[in-house]
Amino acid sequence: LVVEDERLDRARLYNYGMFSFGDDMLVKFAMGRLW
């Protein structure tokens, strides 16, 4: 989702799909415990 204030020329994109690519990422995914 993008929120934009056209008058102030300010905008941000909100992304709910962020996750860590750390060493334990695959383990957490395999365990069903990925945040």
Full PDB file with SEQRES, HELIX, SHEET, SSBOND, CRYST1, ORIGX, SCALE, CONECT and MASTER records, all heavy atoms in Angstrom:
SEQRES   1 A   35  LEU VAL VAL GLU ASP GLU ARG LEU ASP ARG ALA ARG LEU          
SEQRES   2 A   35  TYR ASN TYR GLY MET PHE SER PHE GLY ASP ASP MET LEU          
SEQRES   3 A   35  VAL LYS PHE ALA MET GLY ARG LEU TRP                          
HELIX    1 AA1 MET A   25  ALA A   30  1                                   6    
SHEET    1 AA1 2 VAL A   2  ASP A   5  0                                        
SHEET    2 AA1 2 ARG A  10  LEU A  13 -1                                        
CRYST1    1.000    1.000    1.000  90.00  90.00  90.00 P 1           1          
ORIGX1      1.000000  0.000000  0.000000        0.00000                         
ORIGX2      0.000000  1.000000  0.000000        0.00000                         
ORIGX3      0.000000  0.000000  1.000000        0.00000                         
SCALE1      1.000000  0.000000  0.000000        0.00000                         
SCALE2      0.000000  1.000000  0.000000        0.00000                         
SCALE3      0.000000  0.000000  1.000000        0.00000                         
ATOM      1  N   LEU A   1       0.845  -1.191   0.000  1.00  0.00           N  
ATOM      2  CA  LEU A   1       0.000   0.000   0.000  1.00  0.00           C  
ATOM      3  C   LEU A   1       0.881   1.241   0.000  1.00  0.00           C  
ATOM      4  O   LEU A   1       1.904   1.281   0.688  1.00  0.00           O  
ATOM      5  CB  LEU A   1      -0.921   0.021   1.213  1.00  0.00           C  
ATOM      6  CG  LEU A   1      -2.131  -0.919   1.182  1.00  0.00           C  
ATOM      7  CD1 LEU A   1      -2.819  -0.943   2.539  1.00  0.00           C  
ATOM      8  CD2 LEU A   1      -3.122  -0.533   0.088  1.00  0.00           C  
ATOM      9  N   VAL A   2       0.468   2.225  -0.753  1.00  0.00           N  
ATOM     10  CA  VAL A   2       1.178   3.503  -0.815  1.00  0.00           C  
ATOM     11  C   VAL A   2       0.270   4.594  -0.260  1.00  0.00           C  
ATOM     12  O   VAL A   2      -0.913   4.682  -0.627  1.00  0.00           O  
ATOM     13  CB  VAL A   2       1.598   3.848  -2.256  1.00  0.00           C  
ATOM     14  CG1 VAL A   2       2.070   5.296  -2.360  1.00  0.00           C  
ATOM     15  CG2 VAL A   2       2.699   2.898  -2.720  1.00  0.00           C  
ATOM     16  N   VAL A   3       0.819   5.399   0.624  1.00  0.00           N  
ATOM     17  CA  VAL A   3       0.126   6.597   1.108  1.00  0.00           C  
ATOM     18  C   VAL A   3       0.882   7.808   0.570  1.00  0.00           C  
ATOM     19  O   VAL A   3       2.106   7.887   0.677  1.00  0.00           O  
ATOM     20  CB  VAL A   3       0.096   6.659   2.648  1.00  0.00           C  
ATOM     21  CG1 VAL A   3      -0.606   7.937   3.113  1.00  0.00           C  
ATOM     22  CG2 VAL A   3      -0.603   5.427   3.211  1.00  0.00           C  
ATOM     23  N   GLU A   4       0.136   8.729  -0.011  1.00  0.00           N  
ATOM     24  CA  GLU A   4       0.775   9.916  -0.601  1.00  0.00           C  
ATOM     25  C   GLU A   4       0.008  11.178  -0.208  1.00  0.00           C  
ATOM     26  O   GLU A   4      -1.234  11.208  -0.299  1.00  0.00           O  
ATOM     27  CB  GLU A   4       0.831   9.796  -2.120  1.00  0.00           C  
ATOM     28  CG  GLU A   4       1.523  10.961  -2.810  1.00  0.00           C  
ATOM     29  CD  GLU A   4       1.647  10.763  -4.305  1.00  0.00           C  
ATOM     30  OE1 GLU A   4       1.189   9.715  -4.824  1.00  0.00           O  
ATOM     31  OE2 GLU A   4       2.190  11.664  -4.971  1.00  0.00           O  
ATOM     32  N   ASP A   5       0.738  12.162   0.256  1.00  0.00           N  
ATOM     33  CA  ASP A   5       0.174  13.489   0.476  1.00  0.00           C  
ATOM     34  C   ASP A   5       0.612  14.355  -0.701  1.00  0.00           C  
ATOM     35  O   ASP A   5       1.772  14.760  -0.796  1.00  0.00           O  
ATOM     36  CB  ASP A   5       0.683  14.083   1.792  1.00  0.00           C  
ATOM     37  CG  ASP A   5       0.000  15.402   2.141  1.00  0.00           C  
ATOM     38  OD1 ASP A   5      -0.172  16.236   1.214  1.00  0.00           O  
ATOM     39  OD2 ASP A   5      -0.347  15.591   3.317  1.00  0.00           O  
ATOM     40  N   GLU A   6      -0.321  14.615  -1.605  1.00  0.00           N  
ATOM     41  CA  GLU A   6       0.022  15.316  -2.848  1.00  0.00           C  
ATOM     42  C   GLU A   6       0.393  16.778  -2.589  1.00  0.00           C  
ATOM     43  O   GLU A   6       1.232  17.352  -3.284  1.00  0.00           O  
ATOM     44  CB  GLU A   6      -1.141  15.211  -3.825  1.00  0.00           C  
ATOM     45  CG  GLU A   6      -1.441  13.755  -4.216  1.00  0.00           C  
ATOM     46  CD  GLU A   6      -2.728  13.606  -4.988  1.00  0.00           C  
ATOM     47  OE1 GLU A   6      -3.418  14.650  -5.203  1.00  0.00           O  
ATOM     48  OE2 GLU A   6      -3.072  12.467  -5.374  1.00  0.00           O  
ATOM     49  N   ARG A   7      -0.197  17.386  -1.566  1.00  0.00           N  
ATOM     50  CA  ARG A   7       0.110  18.783  -1.264  1.00  0.00           C  
ATOM     51  C   ARG A   7       1.515  18.923  -0.683  1.00  0.00           C  
ATOM     52  O   ARG A   7       2.270  19.828  -1.082  1.00  0.00           O  
ATOM     53  CB  ARG A   7      -0.927  19.338  -0.279  1.00  0.00           C  
ATOM     54  CG  ARG A   7      -0.683  20.814   0.134  1.00  0.00           C  
ATOM     55  CD  ARG A   7      -1.816  21.312   1.022  1.00  0.00           C  
ATOM     56  NE  ARG A   7      -1.879  20.575   2.264  1.00  0.00           N  
ATOM     57  CZ  ARG A   7      -1.236  20.902   3.384  1.00  0.00           C  
ATOM     58  NH1 ARG A   7      -0.454  21.977   3.408  1.00  0.00           N  
ATOM     59  NH2 ARG A   7      -1.367  20.187   4.488  1.00  0.00           N  
ATOM     60  N   LEU A   8       1.882  18.046   0.204  1.00  0.00           N  
ATOM     61  CA  LEU A   8       3.193  18.121   0.843  1.00  0.00           C  
ATOM     62  C   LEU A   8       4.272  17.346   0.086  1.00  0.00           C  
ATOM     63  O   LEU A   8       5.442  17.396   0.471  1.00  0.00           O  
ATOM     64  CB  LEU A   8       3.101  17.590   2.275  1.00  0.00           C  
ATOM     65  CG  LEU A   8       2.158  18.347   3.214  1.00  0.00           C  
ATOM     66  CD1 LEU A   8       2.096  17.675   4.581  1.00  0.00           C  
ATOM     67  CD2 LEU A   8       2.597  19.804   3.348  1.00  0.00           C  
ATOM     68  N   ASP A   9       3.848  16.639  -0.966  1.00  0.00           N  
ATOM     69  CA  ASP A   9       4.774  15.836  -1.774  1.00  0.00           C  
ATOM     70  C   ASP A   9       5.533  14.839  -0.909  1.00  0.00           C  
ATOM     71  O   ASP A   9       6.750  14.706  -0.989  1.00  0.00           O  
ATOM     72  CB  ASP A   9       5.757  16.734  -2.534  1.00  0.00           C  
ATOM     73  CG  ASP A   9       6.493  15.960  -3.638  1.00  0.00           C  
ATOM     74  OD1 ASP A   9       5.937  14.967  -4.123  1.00  0.00           O  
ATOM     75  OD2 ASP A   9       7.622  16.368  -3.999  1.00  0.00           O  
ATOM     76  N   ARG A  10       4.790  14.117  -0.075  1.00  0.00           N  
ATOM     77  CA  ARG A  10       5.367  13.078   0.787  1.00  0.00           C  
ATOM     78  C   ARG A  10       4.637  11.765   0.503  1.00  0.00           C  
ATOM     79  O   ARG A  10       3.406  11.736   0.387  1.00  0.00           O  
ATOM     80  CB  ARG A  10       5.212  13.445   2.269  1.00  0.00           C  
ATOM     81  CG  ARG A  10       5.979  14.695   2.693  1.00  0.00           C  
ATOM     82  CD  ARG A  10       7.442  14.417   2.928  1.00  0.00           C  
ATOM     83  NE  ARG A  10       7.637  13.443   3.987  1.00  0.00           N  
ATOM     84  CZ  ARG A  10       7.611  13.748   5.291  1.00  0.00           C  
ATOM     85  NH1 ARG A  10       7.344  15.002   5.695  1.00  0.00           N  
ATOM     86  NH2 ARG A  10       7.832  12.813   6.193  1.00  0.00           N  
ATOM     87  N   ALA A  11       5.402  10.691   0.419  1.00  0.00           N  
ATOM     88  CA  ALA A  11       4.794   9.389   0.128  1.00  0.00           C  
ATOM     89  C   ALA A  11       5.614   8.284   0.780  1.00  0.00           C  
ATOM     90  O   ALA A  11       6.839   8.392   0.917  1.00  0.00           O  
ATOM     91  CB  ALA A  11       4.705   9.163  -1.374  1.00  0.00           C  
ATOM     92  N   ARG A  12       4.929   7.233   1.178  1.00  0.00           N  
ATOM     93  CA  ARG A  12       5.589   6.043   1.706  1.00  0.00           C  
ATOM     94  C   ARG A  12       4.890   4.793   1.199  1.00  0.00           C  
ATOM     95  O   ARG A  12       3.664   4.779   1.015  1.00  0.00           O  
ATOM     96  CB  ARG A  12       5.585   6.046   3.233  1.00  0.00           C  
ATOM     97  CG  ARG A  12       6.526   7.069   3.851  1.00  0.00           C  
ATOM     98  CD  ARG A  12       6.622   6.910   5.352  1.00  0.00           C  
ATOM     99  NE  ARG A  12       7.451   7.962   5.933  1.00  0.00           N  
ATOM    100  CZ  ARG A  12       7.693   8.089   7.228  1.00  0.00           C  
ATOM    101  NH1 ARG A  12       7.171   7.237   8.082  1.00  0.00           N  
ATOM    102  NH2 ARG A  12       8.452   9.069   7.680  1.00  0.00           N  
ATOM    103  N   LEU A  13       5.693   3.766   1.000  1.00  0.00           N  
ATOM    104  CA  LEU A  13       5.162   2.462   0.605  1.00  0.00           C  
ATOM    105  C   LEU A  13       5.243   1.537   1.813  1.00  0.00           C  
ATOM    106  O   LEU A  13       6.308   1.399   2.429  1.00  0.00           O  
ATOM    107  CB  LEU A  13       5.958   1.901  -0.566  1.00  0.00           C  
ATOM    108  CG  LEU A  13       5.516   0.542  -1.116  1.00  0.00           C  
ATOM    109  CD1 LEU A  13       5.662   0.512  -2.633  1.00  0.00           C  
ATOM    110  CD2 LEU A  13       6.315  -0.608  -0.492  1.00  0.00           C  
ATOM    111  N   TYR A  14       4.115   0.921   2.158  1.00  0.00           N  
ATOM    112  CA  TYR A  14       4.038   0.019   3.309  1.00  0.00           C  
ATOM    113  C   TYR A  14       3.975  -1.428   2.811  1.00  0.00           C  
ATOM    114  O   TYR A  14       3.094  -1.791   2.030  1.00  0.00           O  
ATOM    115  CB  TYR A  14       2.824   0.349   4.174  1.00  0.00           C  
ATOM    116  CG  TYR A  14       2.937   1.708   4.851  1.00  0.00           C  
ATOM    117  CD1 TYR A  14       2.390   2.852   4.281  1.00  0.00           C  
ATOM    118  CD2 TYR A  14       3.617   1.837   6.062  1.00  0.00           C  
ATOM    119  CE1 TYR A  14       2.508   4.090   4.895  1.00  0.00           C  
ATOM    120  CE2 TYR A  14       3.736   3.061   6.692  1.00  0.00           C  
ATOM    121  CZ  TYR A  14       3.186   4.190   6.100  1.00  0.00           C  
ATOM    122  OH  TYR A  14       3.310   5.415   6.720  1.00  0.00           O  
ATOM    123  N   ASN A  15       4.909  -2.213   3.309  1.00  0.00           N  
ATOM    124  CA  ASN A  15       5.142  -3.555   2.802  1.00  0.00           C  
ATOM    125  C   ASN A  15       5.048  -4.555   3.959  1.00  0.00           C  
ATOM    126  O   ASN A  15       5.862  -4.521   4.876  1.00  0.00           O  
ATOM    127  CB  ASN A  15       6.543  -3.582   2.148  1.00  0.00           C  
ATOM    128  CG  ASN A  15       7.004  -4.968   1.787  1.00  0.00           C  
ATOM    129  OD1 ASN A  15       6.235  -5.923   1.776  1.00  0.00           O  
ATOM    130  ND2 ASN A  15       8.291  -5.094   1.502  1.00  0.00           N  
ATOM    131  N   TYR A  16       4.065  -5.452   3.903  1.00  0.00           N  
ATOM    132  CA  TYR A  16       3.872  -6.446   4.958  1.00  0.00           C  
ATOM    133  C   TYR A  16       4.637  -7.738   4.684  1.00  0.00           C  
ATOM    134  O   TYR A  16       4.397  -8.751   5.356  1.00  0.00           O  
ATOM    135  CB  TYR A  16       2.386  -6.768   5.113  1.00  0.00           C  
ATOM    136  CG  TYR A  16       1.591  -5.702   5.840  1.00  0.00           C  
ATOM    137  CD1 TYR A  16       1.159  -4.557   5.158  1.00  0.00           C  
ATOM    138  CD2 TYR A  16       1.268  -5.834   7.175  1.00  0.00           C  
ATOM    139  CE1 TYR A  16       0.425  -3.577   5.816  1.00  0.00           C  
ATOM    140  CE2 TYR A  16       0.532  -4.868   7.846  1.00  0.00           C  
ATOM    141  CZ  TYR A  16       0.117  -3.740   7.152  1.00  0.00           C  
ATOM    142  OH  TYR A  16      -0.597  -2.771   7.806  1.00  0.00           O  
ATOM    143  N   GLY A  17       5.546  -7.718   3.744  1.00  0.00           N  
ATOM    144  CA  GLY A  17       6.240  -8.944   3.356  1.00  0.00           C  
ATOM    145  C   GLY A  17       7.700  -8.990   3.736  1.00  0.00           C  
ATOM    146  O   GLY A  17       8.486  -9.691   3.093  1.00  0.00           O  
ATOM    147  N   MET A  18       8.109  -8.281   4.771  1.00  0.00           N  
ATOM    148  CA  MET A  18       9.507  -8.253   5.171  1.00  0.00           C  
ATOM    149  C   MET A  18       9.835  -9.442   6.080  1.00  0.00           C  
ATOM    150  O   MET A  18       9.063  -9.781   6.970  1.00  0.00           O  
ATOM    151  CB  MET A  18       9.823  -6.950   5.912  1.00  0.00           C  
ATOM    152  CG  MET A  18       9.489  -5.681   5.138  1.00  0.00           C  
ATOM    153  SD  MET A  18      10.526  -5.453   3.690  1.00  0.00           S  
ATOM    154  CE  MET A  18      12.101  -5.093   4.465  1.00  0.00           C  
ATOM    155  N   PHE A  19      10.976 -10.095   5.818  1.00  0.00           N  
ATOM    156  CA  PHE A  19      11.445 -11.154   6.707  1.00  0.00           C  
ATOM    157  C   PHE A  19      12.959 -11.244   6.613  1.00  0.00           C  
ATOM    158  O   PHE A  19      13.573 -10.745   5.671  1.00  0.00           O  
ATOM    159  CB  PHE A  19      10.800 -12.505   6.364  1.00  0.00           C  
ATOM    160  CG  PHE A  19      11.157 -13.049   5.004  1.00  0.00           C  
ATOM    161  CD1 PHE A  19      12.177 -13.978   4.857  1.00  0.00           C  
ATOM    162  CD2 PHE A  19      10.454 -12.650   3.874  1.00  0.00           C  
ATOM    163  CE1 PHE A  19      12.504 -14.486   3.619  1.00  0.00           C  
ATOM    164  CE2 PHE A  19      10.772 -13.154   2.624  1.00  0.00           C  
ATOM    165  CZ  PHE A  19      11.800 -14.075   2.494  1.00  0.00           C  
ATOM    166  N   SER A  20      13.549 -11.887   7.588  1.00  0.00           N  
ATOM    167  CA  SER A  20      15.000 -11.942   7.688  1.00  0.00           C  
ATOM    168  C   SER A  20      15.561 -13.085   6.848  1.00  0.00           C  
ATOM    169  O   SER A  20      15.037 -14.199   6.869  1.00  0.00           O  
ATOM    170  CB  SER A  20      15.427 -12.142   9.144  1.00  0.00           C  
ATOM    171  OG  SER A  20      16.816 -12.387   9.224  1.00  0.00           O  
ATOM    172  N   PHE A  21      16.634 -12.798   6.115  1.00  0.00           N  
ATOM    173  CA  PHE A  21      17.320 -13.822   5.345  1.00  0.00           C  
ATOM    174  C   PHE A  21      18.496 -14.412   6.137  1.00  0.00           C  
ATOM    175  O   PHE A  21      19.464 -14.875   5.559  1.00  0.00           O  
ATOM    176  CB  PHE A  21      17.852 -13.232   4.031  1.00  0.00           C  
ATOM    177  CG  PHE A  21      16.781 -13.009   3.006  1.00  0.00           C  
ATOM    178  CD1 PHE A  21      16.122 -11.790   2.930  1.00  0.00           C  
ATOM    179  CD2 PHE A  21      16.423 -14.004   2.120  1.00  0.00           C  
ATOM    180  CE1 PHE A  21      15.139 -11.579   1.975  1.00  0.00           C  
ATOM    181  CE2 PHE A  21      15.440 -13.805   1.179  1.00  0.00           C  
ATOM    182  CZ  PHE A  21      14.792 -12.583   1.099  1.00  0.00           C  
ATOM    183  N   GLY A  22      18.410 -14.417   7.455  1.00  0.00           N  
ATOM    184  CA  GLY A  22      19.500 -14.903   8.286  1.00  0.00           C  
ATOM    185  C   GLY A  22      19.699 -16.393   8.166  1.00  0.00           C  
ATOM    186  O   GLY A  22      18.946 -17.117   7.488  1.00  0.00           O  
ATOM    187  N   ASP A  23      20.721 -16.896   8.851  1.00  0.00           N  
ATOM    188  CA  ASP A  23      21.078 -18.306   8.781  1.00  0.00           C  
ATOM    189  C   ASP A  23      19.958 -19.223   9.255  1.00  0.00           C  
ATOM    190  O   ASP A  23      19.861 -20.375   8.824  1.00  0.00           O  
ATOM    191  CB  ASP A  23      22.341 -18.564   9.619  1.00  0.00           C  
ATOM    192  CG  ASP A  23      23.573 -17.868   9.060  1.00  0.00           C  
ATOM    193  OD1 ASP A  23      23.559 -17.556   7.849  1.00  0.00           O  
ATOM    194  OD2 ASP A  23      24.524 -17.637   9.825  1.00  0.00           O  
ATOM    195  N   ASP A  24      19.118 -18.728  10.161  1.00  0.00           N  
ATOM    196  CA  ASP A  24      18.065 -19.573  10.712  1.00  0.00           C  
ATOM    197  C   ASP A  24      16.729 -19.399   9.995  1.00  0.00           C  
ATOM    198  O   ASP A  24      15.715 -19.944  10.440  1.00  0.00           O  
ATOM    199  CB  ASP A  24      17.887 -19.286  12.196  1.00  0.00           C  
ATOM    200  CG  ASP A  24      17.510 -17.822  12.462  1.00  0.00           C  
ATOM    201  OD1 ASP A  24      17.605 -17.003  11.532  1.00  0.00           O  
ATOM    202  OD2 ASP A  24      17.141 -17.519  13.612  1.00  0.00           O  
ATOM    203  N   MET A  25      16.735 -18.653   8.878  1.00  0.00           N  
ATOM    204  CA  MET A  25      15.477 -18.395   8.178  1.00  0.00           C  
ATOM    205  C   MET A  25      14.827 -19.687   7.684  1.00  0.00           C  
ATOM    206  O   MET A  25      13.635 -19.925   7.889  1.00  0.00           O  
ATOM    207  CB  MET A  25      15.695 -17.433   7.002  1.00  0.00           C  
ATOM    208  CG  MET A  25      14.409 -16.992   6.299  1.00  0.00           C  
ATOM    209  SD  MET A  25      13.850 -18.053   4.950  1.00  0.00           S  
ATOM    210  CE  MET A  25      15.034 -17.634   3.671  1.00  0.00           C  
ATOM    211  N   LEU A  26      15.610 -20.567   7.025  1.00  0.00           N  
ATOM    212  CA  LEU A  26      15.048 -21.801   6.490  1.00  0.00           C  
ATOM    213  C   LEU A  26      14.562 -22.716   7.597  1.00  0.00           C  
ATOM    214  O   LEU A  26      13.536 -23.388   7.462  1.00  0.00           O  
ATOM    215  CB  LEU A  26      16.090 -22.516   5.624  1.00  0.00           C  
ATOM    216  CG  LEU A  26      16.427 -21.840   4.289  1.00  0.00           C  
ATOM    217  CD1 LEU A  26      17.512 -22.635   3.553  1.00  0.00           C  
ATOM    218  CD2 LEU A  26      15.178 -21.729   3.411  1.00  0.00           C  
ATOM    219  N   VAL A  27      15.279 -22.736   8.706  1.00  0.00           N  
ATOM    220  CA  VAL A  27      14.857 -23.563   9.842  1.00  0.00           C  
ATOM    221  C   VAL A  27      13.530 -23.061  10.395  1.00  0.00           C  
ATOM    222  O   VAL A  27      12.604 -23.844  10.654  1.00  0.00           O  
ATOM    223  CB  VAL A  27      15.935 -23.568  10.940  1.00  0.00           C  
ATOM    224  CG1 VAL A  27      15.437 -24.306  12.176  1.00  0.00           C  
ATOM    225  CG2 VAL A  27      17.223 -24.197  10.421  1.00  0.00           C  
ATOM    226  N   LYS A  28      13.416 -21.751  10.566  1.00  0.00           N  
ATOM    227  CA  LYS A  28      12.170 -21.176  11.089  1.00  0.00           C  
ATOM    228  C   LYS A  28      11.002 -21.434  10.134  1.00  0.00           C  
ATOM    229  O   LYS A  28       9.891 -21.738  10.568  1.00  0.00           O  
ATOM    230  CB  LYS A  28      12.340 -19.675  11.314  1.00  0.00           C  
ATOM    231  CG  LYS A  28      13.237 -19.327  12.493  1.00  0.00           C  
ATOM    232  CD  LYS A  28      13.349 -17.821  12.671  1.00  0.00           C  
ATOM    233  CE  LYS A  28      14.189 -17.476  13.883  1.00  0.00           C  
ATOM    234  NZ  LYS A  28      14.331 -16.010  14.051  1.00  0.00           N  
ATOM    235  N   PHE A  29      11.273 -21.301   8.822  1.00  0.00           N  
ATOM    236  CA  PHE A  29      10.211 -21.568   7.846  1.00  0.00           C  
ATOM    237  C   PHE A  29       9.790 -23.037   7.906  1.00  0.00           C  
ATOM    238  O   PHE A  29       8.600 -23.359   7.887  1.00  0.00           O  
ATOM    239  CB  PHE A  29      10.677 -21.204   6.447  1.00  0.00           C  
ATOM    240  CG  PHE A  29       9.644 -21.495   5.388  1.00  0.00           C  
ATOM    241  CD1 PHE A  29       8.563 -20.645   5.212  1.00  0.00           C  
ATOM    242  CD2 PHE A  29       9.740 -22.624   4.590  1.00  0.00           C  
ATOM    243  CE1 PHE A  29       7.590 -20.919   4.252  1.00  0.00           C  
ATOM    244  CE2 PHE A  29       8.776 -22.904   3.627  1.00  0.00           C  
ATOM    245  CZ  PHE A  29       7.701 -22.045   3.457  1.00  0.00           C  
ATOM    246  N   ALA A  30      10.787 -23.940   7.949  1.00  0.00           N  
ATOM    247  CA  ALA A  30      10.485 -25.368   8.009  1.00  0.00           C  
ATOM    248  C   ALA A  30       9.695 -25.720   9.264  1.00  0.00           C  
ATOM    249  O   ALA A  30       8.859 -26.626   9.247  1.00  0.00           O  
ATOM    250  CB  ALA A  30      11.770 -26.178   7.952  1.00  0.00           C  
ATOM    251  N   MET A  31       9.940 -24.994  10.348  1.00  0.00           N  
ATOM    252  CA  MET A  31       9.239 -25.259  11.598  1.00  0.00           C  
ATOM    253  C   MET A  31       7.888 -24.551  11.673  1.00  0.00           C  
ATOM    254  O   MET A  31       7.141 -24.736  12.626  1.00  0.00           O  
ATOM    255  CB  MET A  31      10.102 -24.809  12.781  1.00  0.00           C  
ATOM    256  CG  MET A  31      11.439 -25.553  12.896  1.00  0.00           C  
ATOM    257  SD  MET A  31      11.254 -27.309  13.238  1.00  0.00           S  
ATOM    258  CE  MET A  31      10.672 -27.265  14.924  1.00  0.00           C  
ATOM    259  N   GLY A  32       7.572 -23.727  10.668  1.00  0.00           N  
ATOM    260  CA  GLY A  32       6.316 -22.983  10.690  1.00  0.00           C  
ATOM    261  C   GLY A  32       6.321 -21.848  11.683  1.00  0.00           C  
ATOM    262  O   GLY A  32       5.272 -21.462  12.201  1.00  0.00           O  
ATOM    263  N   ARG A  33       7.504 -21.315  11.973  1.00  0.00           N  
ATOM    264  CA  ARG A  33       7.633 -20.271  12.991  1.00  0.00           C  
ATOM    265  C   ARG A  33       8.396 -19.068  12.446  1.00  0.00           C  
ATOM    266  O   ARG A  33       9.228 -18.482  13.139  1.00  0.00           O  
ATOM    267  CB  ARG A  33       8.342 -20.849  14.226  1.00  0.00           C  
ATOM    268  CG  ARG A  33       7.571 -22.014  14.857  1.00  0.00           C  
ATOM    269  CD  ARG A  33       8.425 -22.859  15.773  1.00  0.00           C  
ATOM    270  NE  ARG A  33       7.744 -24.103  16.102  1.00  0.00           N  
ATOM    271  CZ  ARG A  33       8.327 -25.132  16.703  1.00  0.00           C  
ATOM    272  NH1 ARG A  33       9.608 -25.055  17.034  1.00  0.00           N  
ATOM    273  NH2 ARG A  33       7.660 -26.233  16.956  1.00  0.00           N  
ATOM    274  N   LEU A  34       8.121 -18.711  11.210  1.00  0.00           N  
ATOM    275  CA  LEU A  34       8.807 -17.593  10.581  1.00  0.00           C  
ATOM    276  C   LEU A  34       8.013 -16.312  10.828  1.00  0.00           C  
ATOM    277  O   LEU A  34       6.827 -16.227  10.495  1.00  0.00           O  
ATOM    278  CB  LEU A  34       8.946 -17.841   9.070  1.00  0.00           C  
ATOM    279  CG  LEU A  34       9.730 -16.805   8.280  1.00  0.00           C  
ATOM    280  CD1 LEU A  34      11.166 -16.693   8.799  1.00  0.00           C  
ATOM    281  CD2 LEU A  34       9.739 -17.149   6.799  1.00  0.00           C  
ATOM    282  N   TRP A  35       8.679 -15.337  11.419  1.00  0.00           N  
ATOM    283  CA  TRP A  35       8.035 -14.057  11.707  1.00  0.00           C  
ATOM    284  C   TRP A  35       8.313 -13.064  10.586  1.00  0.00           C  
ATOM    285  O   TRP A  35       9.450 -12.923  10.136  1.00  0.00           O  
ATOM    286  CB  TRP A  35       8.536 -13.502  13.043  1.00  0.00           C  
ATOM    287  CG  TRP A  35       7.952 -14.233  14.203  1.00  0.00           C  
ATOM    288  CD1 TRP A  35       8.372 -15.409  14.733  1.00  0.00           C  
ATOM    289  CD2 TRP A  35       6.800 -13.845  14.967  1.00  0.00           C  
ATOM    290  NE1 TRP A  35       7.571 -15.789  15.784  1.00  0.00           N  
ATOM    291  CE2 TRP A  35       6.599 -14.840  15.951  1.00  0.00           C  
ATOM    292  CE3 TRP A  35       5.928 -12.756  14.916  1.00  0.00           C  
ATOM    293  CZ2 TRP A  35       5.564 -14.782  16.865  1.00  0.00           C  
ATOM    294  CZ3 TRP A  35       4.905 -12.692  15.842  1.00  0.00           C  
ATOM    295  CH2 TRP A  35       4.722 -13.705  16.803  1.00  0.00           C  
TER     296      TRP A  35                                                      
MASTER        0    0    0    1    2    0    0    6  295    1    0    3          
END                                                                             
